[in-house]
Amino acid sequence: MTATTRDKMIAGAADLMSRRGVNATSMRDVVRHTATPRGSISHHFPDGKPQLIAEAVTFAGRQVSIPLERAMNERGVIGGLKAFVASWRRQLAATGFEAGCPVLAVAVDRYVGEPGDKDDAAAQQHLLDLADGVFADWRQIMHAALLREGLAAGRAERLATLVVASIEGTVAMCRASRSADALDQVQEELETILSAALAHTAK
């Protein structure tokens, strides 16, 4: 299926956010990055940059949640974890450790609108709510997989949070060090923790 101009702009915004953060991603930058007509901004995103960034957050969330849920369903918790980490490792390597997580960028970068925009505070809160929802979705996918393999709900929730928080934080560390070593180390420890938890349920 051929991507529409709107789709290209959303994907392009997510890519720029993953590399530069939210505030260094302008509407003009997105147009240049995606080679789309400048007039398409007002047509596809009448509410301006807040709308485009919000759409990019939702897009970025699905780019992770869909393959993550598939991997957890098809491979189980440990196999799904391996696939989750492998996807981040590929992204880091493919971008020369320039691109991280655009959802994390929203969480840590206070939103500043384009010239003429109003109510940055409301836009900031909306974006934070969206980012929180994406992280919650990823945790829920992991949580459901752990429940299927016999963990109690409370432990499954805590471990799901641990996995998502660990991977997100480690991706940022890898960008800083220009190395995937930290991701390899965290994966090994997470596999050990999850394997032990799952083995305990089998007793």
C-alpha atoms as a PDB file:
ATOM      1  CA  MET A   1       0.000   0.000   0.000  1.00  0.00           C
ATOM      2  CA  THR A   2       1.358   3.411  -0.964  1.00  0.00           C
ATOM      3  CA  ALA A   3       1.735   5.796   1.948  1.00  0.00           C
ATOM      4  CA  THR A   4      -0.321   8.962   1.742  1.00  0.00           C
ATOM      5  CA  THR A   5       1.198  12.404   2.217  1.00  0.00           C
ATOM      6  CA  ARG A   6      -0.351  12.506   5.685  1.00  0.00           C
ATOM      7  CA  ASP A   7       1.136   9.111   6.573  1.00  0.00           C
ATOM      8  CA  LYS A   8       4.558  10.199   5.337  1.00  0.00           C
ATOM      9  CA  MET A   9       4.444  13.330   7.478  1.00  0.00           C
ATOM     10  CA  ILE A  10       3.435  11.405  10.598  1.00  0.00           C
ATOM     11  CA  ALA A  11       6.145   8.790  10.112  1.00  0.00           C
ATOM     12  CA  GLY A  12       8.663  11.509   9.313  1.00  0.00           C
ATOM     13  CA  ALA A  13       7.775  13.449  12.443  1.00  0.00           C
ATOM     14  CA  ALA A  14       8.211  10.305  14.554  1.00  0.00           C
ATOM     15  CA  ASP A  15      11.614   9.690  12.966  1.00  0.00           C
ATOM     16  CA  LEU A  16      12.794  13.251  13.584  1.00  0.00           C
ATOM     17  CA  MET A  17      11.519  13.156  17.170  1.00  0.00           C
ATOM     18  CA  SER A  18      13.469   9.954  17.768  1.00  0.00           C
ATOM     19  CA  ARG A  19      16.653  11.711  16.641  1.00  0.00           C
ATOM     20  CA  ARG A  20      16.207  15.335  17.753  1.00  0.00           C
ATOM     21  CA  GLY A  21      13.476  15.407  20.363  1.00  0.00           C
ATOM     22  CA  VAL A  22      10.150  17.194  20.181  1.00  0.00           C
ATOM     23  CA  ASN A  23      11.163  20.845  20.242  1.00  0.00           C
ATOM     24  CA  ALA A  24      13.865  20.474  17.608  1.00  0.00           C
ATOM     25  CA  THR A  25      11.290  18.945  15.266  1.00  0.00           C
ATOM     26  CA  SER A  26       9.522  21.770  13.449  1.00  0.00           C
ATOM     27  CA  MET A  27       6.787  21.562  10.870  1.00  0.00           C
ATOM     28  CA  ARG A  28       9.225  22.926   8.298  1.00  0.00           C
ATOM     29  CA  ASP A  29      11.738  20.206   9.189  1.00  0.00           C
ATOM     30  CA  VAL A  30       9.083  17.537   8.699  1.00  0.00           C
ATOM     31  CA  VAL A  31       8.200  18.909   5.266  1.00  0.00           C
ATOM     32  CA  ARG A  32      11.869  18.863   4.222  1.00  0.00           C
ATOM     33  CA  HIS A  33      12.502  15.436   5.748  1.00  0.00           C
ATOM     34  CA  THR A  34       9.534  13.843   3.981  1.00  0.00           C
ATOM     35  CA  ALA A  35       9.715  15.833   0.725  1.00  0.00           C
ATOM     36  CA  THR A  36       6.035  16.722   1.041  1.00  0.00           C
ATOM     37  CA  PRO A  37       4.336  19.972  -0.033  1.00  0.00           C
ATOM     38  CA  ARG A  38       4.383  22.679   2.621  1.00  0.00           C
ATOM     39  CA  GLY A  39       0.733  23.420   1.950  1.00  0.00           C
ATOM     40  CA  SER A  40      -0.113  19.910   3.107  1.00  0.00           C
ATOM     41  CA  ILE A  41       0.580  20.896   6.719  1.00  0.00           C
ATOM     42  CA  SER A  42      -2.520  23.035   7.153  1.00  0.00           C
ATOM     43  CA  HIS A  43      -4.582  20.642   5.056  1.00  0.00           C
ATOM     44  CA  HIS A  44      -3.748  17.468   6.982  1.00  0.00           C
ATOM     45  CA  PHE A  45      -3.013  19.019  10.378  1.00  0.00           C
ATOM     46  CA  PRO A  46      -5.294  22.032  10.845  1.00  0.00           C
ATOM     47  CA  ASP A  47      -4.368  22.197  14.537  1.00  0.00           C
ATOM     48  CA  GLY A  48      -0.700  22.542  13.674  1.00  0.00           C
ATOM     49  CA  LYS A  49       2.317  21.038  15.354  1.00  0.00           C
ATOM     50  CA  PRO A  50       0.468  19.699  18.444  1.00  0.00           C
ATOM     51  CA  GLN A  51      -1.731  17.582  16.192  1.00  0.00           C
ATOM     52  CA  LEU A  52       1.187  16.293  14.113  1.00  0.00           C
ATOM     53  CA  ILE A  53       3.265  15.406  17.177  1.00  0.00           C
ATOM     54  CA  ALA A  54       0.283  13.686  18.802  1.00  0.00           C
ATOM     55  CA  GLU A  55      -0.298  11.625  15.657  1.00  0.00           C
ATOM     56  CA  ALA A  56       3.399  10.753  15.579  1.00  0.00           C
ATOM     57  CA  VAL A  57       3.306   9.517  19.175  1.00  0.00           C
ATOM     58  CA  THR A  58       0.344   7.275  18.409  1.00  0.00           C
ATOM     59  CA  PHE A  59       2.068   6.011  15.260  1.00  0.00           C
ATOM     60  CA  ALA A  60       5.302   5.285  17.120  1.00  0.00           C
ATOM     61  CA  GLY A  61       3.390   3.418  19.805  1.00  0.00           C
ATOM     62  CA  ARG A  62       1.753   1.133  17.243  1.00  0.00           C
ATOM     63  CA  GLN A  63       5.081   0.540  15.511  1.00  0.00           C
ATOM     64  CA  VAL A  64       6.201  -1.177  18.712  1.00  0.00           C
ATOM     65  CA  SER A  65       2.977  -2.590  20.157  1.00  0.00           C
ATOM     66  CA  ILE A  66       1.831  -4.502  17.068  1.00  0.00           C
ATOM     67  CA  PRO A  67       5.034  -6.554  16.560  1.00  0.00           C
ATOM     68  CA  LEU A  68       5.525  -6.847  20.342  1.00  0.00           C
ATOM     69  CA  GLU A  69       2.080  -8.373  20.833  1.00  0.00           C
ATOM     70  CA  ARG A  70       2.617 -10.702  17.892  1.00  0.00           C
ATOM     71  CA  ALA A  71       5.972 -11.829  19.256  1.00  0.00           C
ATOM     72  CA  MET A  72       4.570 -12.423  22.740  1.00  0.00           C
ATOM     73  CA  ASN A  73       1.669 -14.429  21.311  1.00  0.00           C
ATOM     74  CA  GLU A  74       3.822 -16.508  18.983  1.00  0.00           C
ATOM     75  CA  ARG A  75       7.051 -16.915  20.981  1.00  0.00           C
ATOM     76  CA  GLY A  76       6.069 -16.520  24.615  1.00  0.00           C
ATOM     77  CA  VAL A  77       7.575 -14.185  27.175  1.00  0.00           C
ATOM     78  CA  ILE A  78      11.265 -14.955  26.696  1.00  0.00           C
ATOM     79  CA  GLY A  79      11.051 -15.181  22.927  1.00  0.00           C
ATOM     80  CA  GLY A  80       8.982 -12.014  22.856  1.00  0.00           C
ATOM     81  CA  LEU A  81      11.553 -10.216  24.998  1.00  0.00           C
ATOM     82  CA  LYS A  82      14.321 -11.283  22.623  1.00  0.00           C
ATOM     83  CA  ALA A  83      12.340  -9.907  19.687  1.00  0.00           C
ATOM     84  CA  PHE A  84      11.592  -6.668  21.554  1.00  0.00           C
ATOM     85  CA  VAL A  85      15.248  -6.060  22.316  1.00  0.00           C
ATOM     86  CA  ALA A  86      16.326  -7.116  18.835  1.00  0.00           C
ATOM     87  CA  SER A  87      14.027  -4.522  17.255  1.00  0.00           C
ATOM     88  CA  TRP A  88      15.627  -1.730  19.291  1.00  0.00           C
ATOM     89  CA  ARG A  89      19.095  -3.057  18.554  1.00  0.00           C
ATOM     90  CA  ARG A  90      18.353  -2.979  14.823  1.00  0.00           C
ATOM     91  CA  GLN A  91      17.050   0.585  15.011  1.00  0.00           C
ATOM     92  CA  LEU A  92      20.091   1.779  16.911  1.00  0.00           C
ATOM     93  CA  ALA A  93      22.480   0.102  14.474  1.00  0.00           C
ATOM     94  CA  ALA A  94      20.582   1.237  11.379  1.00  0.00           C
ATOM     95  CA  THR A  95      20.667   4.887  12.456  1.00  0.00           C
ATOM     96  CA  GLY A  96      24.217   4.931  13.771  1.00  0.00           C
ATOM     97  CA  PHE A  97      22.827   5.236  17.321  1.00  0.00           C
ATOM     98  CA  GLU A  98      21.129   8.515  16.399  1.00  0.00           C
ATOM     99  CA  ALA A  99      17.514   7.396  16.803  1.00  0.00           C
ATOM    100  CA  GLY A 100      15.942   6.406  20.078  1.00  0.00           C
ATOM    101  CA  CYS A 101      12.311   6.290  21.125  1.00  0.00           C
ATOM    102  CA  PRO A 102      10.064   9.169  20.023  1.00  0.00           C
ATOM    103  CA  VAL A 103       7.625   8.362  22.834  1.00  0.00           C
ATOM    104  CA  LEU A 104      10.373   8.790  25.401  1.00  0.00           C
ATOM    105  CA  ALA A 105      11.305  12.069  23.690  1.00  0.00           C
ATOM    106  CA  VAL A 106       7.802  13.358  24.405  1.00  0.00           C
ATOM    107  CA  ALA A 107       8.047  12.263  28.028  1.00  0.00           C
ATOM    108  CA  VAL A 108      11.315  14.086  28.719  1.00  0.00           C
ATOM    109  CA  ASP A 109      11.145  17.108  26.394  1.00  0.00           C
ATOM    110  CA  ARG A 110       8.811  19.892  27.474  1.00  0.00           C
ATOM    111  CA  TYR A 111       6.702  20.937  24.509  1.00  0.00           C
ATOM    112  CA  VAL A 112       7.239  24.355  22.939  1.00  0.00           C
ATOM    113  CA  GLY A 113       4.935  25.202  20.035  1.00  0.00           C
ATOM    114  CA  GLU A 114       5.545  26.913  16.744  1.00  0.00           C
ATOM    115  CA  PRO A 115       5.428  30.735  16.566  1.00  0.00           C
ATOM    116  CA  GLY A 116       1.814  31.804  16.898  1.00  0.00           C
ATOM    117  CA  ASP A 117       0.662  28.618  18.639  1.00  0.00           C
ATOM    118  CA  LYS A 118      -1.408  29.003  21.768  1.00  0.00           C
ATOM    119  CA  ASP A 119      -1.711  27.087  25.009  1.00  0.00           C
ATOM    120  CA  ASP A 120       1.522  25.117  25.055  1.00  0.00           C
ATOM    121  CA  ALA A 121       0.623  23.856  28.530  1.00  0.00           C
ATOM    122  CA  ALA A 122      -2.500  22.103  27.249  1.00  0.00           C
ATOM    123  CA  ALA A 123      -0.548  20.619  24.347  1.00  0.00           C
ATOM    124  CA  GLN A 124       2.148  19.433  26.753  1.00  0.00           C
ATOM    125  CA  GLN A 125      -0.376  17.684  28.974  1.00  0.00           C
ATOM    126  CA  HIS A 126      -2.071  16.027  26.014  1.00  0.00           C
ATOM    127  CA  LEU A 127       1.237  14.721  24.699  1.00  0.00           C
ATOM    128  CA  LEU A 128       2.223  13.425  28.120  1.00  0.00           C
ATOM    129  CA  ASP A 129      -1.119  11.645  28.380  1.00  0.00           C
ATOM    130  CA  LEU A 130      -0.544  10.048  24.981  1.00  0.00           C
ATOM    131  CA  ALA A 131       2.981   8.942  25.919  1.00  0.00           C
ATOM    132  CA  ASP A 132       1.711   7.514  29.194  1.00  0.00           C
ATOM    133  CA  GLY A 133      -0.925   5.592  27.258  1.00  0.00           C
ATOM    134  CA  VAL A 134       1.659   4.143  24.886  1.00  0.00           C
ATOM    135  CA  PHE A 135       3.875   2.984  27.737  1.00  0.00           C
ATOM    136  CA  ALA A 136       0.813   1.513  29.460  1.00  0.00           C
ATOM    137  CA  ASP A 137      -0.067  -0.360  26.270  1.00  0.00           C
ATOM    138  CA  TRP A 138       3.415  -1.876  26.032  1.00  0.00           C
ATOM    139  CA  ARG A 139       3.271  -2.859  29.706  1.00  0.00           C
ATOM    140  CA  GLN A 140      -0.157  -4.410  29.219  1.00  0.00           C
ATOM    141  CA  ILE A 141       1.106  -6.566  26.356  1.00  0.00           C
ATOM    142  CA  MET A 142       3.934  -7.856  28.531  1.00  0.00           C
ATOM    143  CA  HIS A 143       1.590  -8.227  31.499  1.00  0.00           C
ATOM    144  CA  ALA A 144      -0.858 -10.332  29.479  1.00  0.00           C
ATOM    145  CA  ALA A 145       1.943 -12.588  28.246  1.00  0.00           C
ATOM    146  CA  LEU A 146       3.182 -13.158  31.792  1.00  0.00           C
ATOM    147  CA  LEU A 147      -0.334 -13.967  32.967  1.00  0.00           C
ATOM    148  CA  ARG A 148      -0.702 -16.544  30.196  1.00  0.00           C
ATOM    149  CA  GLU A 149       2.426 -18.251  31.472  1.00  0.00           C
ATOM    150  CA  GLY A 150       1.092 -18.480  35.019  1.00  0.00           C
ATOM    151  CA  LEU A 151       2.345 -15.455  36.934  1.00  0.00           C
ATOM    152  CA  ALA A 152       0.154 -13.798  39.533  1.00  0.00           C
ATOM    153  CA  ALA A 153      -1.328 -10.502  38.419  1.00  0.00           C
ATOM    154  CA  GLY A 154       0.659  -8.292  40.811  1.00  0.00           C
ATOM    155  CA  ARG A 155       4.022  -9.854  39.985  1.00  0.00           C
ATOM    156  CA  ALA A 156       3.219  -9.792  36.285  1.00  0.00           C
ATOM    157  CA  GLU A 157       2.435  -6.076  36.478  1.00  0.00           C
ATOM    158  CA  ARG A 158       5.676  -5.269  38.269  1.00  0.00           C
ATOM    159  CA  LEU A 159       7.785  -7.310  35.872  1.00  0.00           C
ATOM    160  CA  ALA A 160       6.072  -5.784  32.855  1.00  0.00           C
ATOM    161  CA  THR A 161       6.925  -2.333  34.168  1.00  0.00           C
ATOM    162  CA  LEU A 162      10.497  -3.434  34.818  1.00  0.00           C
ATOM    163  CA  VAL A 163      10.931  -4.691  31.266  1.00  0.00           C
ATOM    164  CA  VAL A 164       9.569  -1.592  29.544  1.00  0.00           C
ATOM    165  CA  ALA A 165      11.381   0.838  31.832  1.00  0.00           C
ATOM    166  CA  SER A 166      14.647  -1.086  31.499  1.00  0.00           C
ATOM    167  CA  ILE A 167      14.588  -1.219  27.718  1.00  0.00           C
ATOM    168  CA  GLU A 168      13.550   2.426  27.318  1.00  0.00           C
ATOM    169  CA  GLY A 169      16.281   3.637  29.647  1.00  0.00           C
ATOM    170  CA  THR A 170      18.896   1.391  28.106  1.00  0.00           C
ATOM    171  CA  VAL A 171      18.152   2.598  24.580  1.00  0.00           C
ATOM    172  CA  ALA A 172      18.980   6.116  25.782  1.00  0.00           C
ATOM    173  CA  MET A 173      22.234   4.840  27.332  1.00  0.00           C
ATOM    174  CA  CYS A 174      23.168   3.109  24.079  1.00  0.00           C
ATOM    175  CA  ARG A 175      22.668   6.318  22.137  1.00  0.00           C
ATOM    176  CA  ALA A 176      25.009   8.124  24.510  1.00  0.00           C
ATOM    177  CA  SER A 177      27.703   5.438  24.400  1.00  0.00           C
ATOM    178  CA  ARG A 178      27.279   4.638  20.693  1.00  0.00           C
ATOM    179  CA  SER A 179      27.264   0.978  21.685  1.00  0.00           C
ATOM    180  CA  ALA A 180      24.685  -1.769  22.220  1.00  0.00           C
ATOM    181  CA  ASP A 181      26.665  -3.306  25.080  1.00  0.00           C
ATOM    182  CA  ALA A 182      24.283  -2.004  27.745  1.00  0.00           C
ATOM    183  CA  LEU A 183      21.304  -3.418  25.845  1.00  0.00           C
ATOM    184  CA  ASP A 184      22.960  -6.841  25.730  1.00  0.00           C
ATOM    185  CA  GLN A 185      23.626  -6.725  29.455  1.00  0.00           C
ATOM    186  CA  VAL A 186      20.098  -5.644  30.337  1.00  0.00           C
ATOM    187  CA  GLN A 187      18.592  -8.299  28.086  1.00  0.00           C
ATOM    188  CA  GLU A 188      20.624 -10.988  29.823  1.00  0.00           C
ATOM    189  CA  GLU A 189      19.507  -9.846  33.278  1.00  0.00           C
ATOM    190  CA  LEU A 190      15.867  -9.499  32.252  1.00  0.00           C
ATOM    191  CA  GLU A 191      15.882 -12.992  30.776  1.00  0.00           C
ATOM    192  CA  THR A 192      17.342 -14.330  34.031  1.00  0.00           C
ATOM    193  CA  ILE A 193      14.705 -12.565  36.145  1.00  0.00           C
ATOM    194  CA  LEU A 194      11.789 -13.567  33.929  1.00  0.00           C
ATOM    195  CA  SER A 195      12.972 -17.162  33.542  1.00  0.00           C
ATOM    196  CA  ALA A 196      13.274 -17.521  37.327  1.00  0.00           C
ATOM    197  CA  ALA A 197       9.816 -16.062  37.857  1.00  0.00           C
ATOM    198  CA  LEU A 198       8.278 -18.352  35.260  1.00  0.00           C
ATOM    199  CA  ALA A 199      10.101 -21.415  36.590  1.00  0.00           C
ATOM    200  CA  HIS A 200       8.682 -20.711  40.038  1.00  0.00           C
ATOM    201  CA  THR A 201       5.115 -20.878  38.668  1.00  0.00           C
ATOM    202  CA  ALA A 202       5.790 -24.320  37.239  1.00  0.00           C
ATOM    203  CA  LYS A 203       6.605 -25.807  40.656  1.00  0.00           C
END
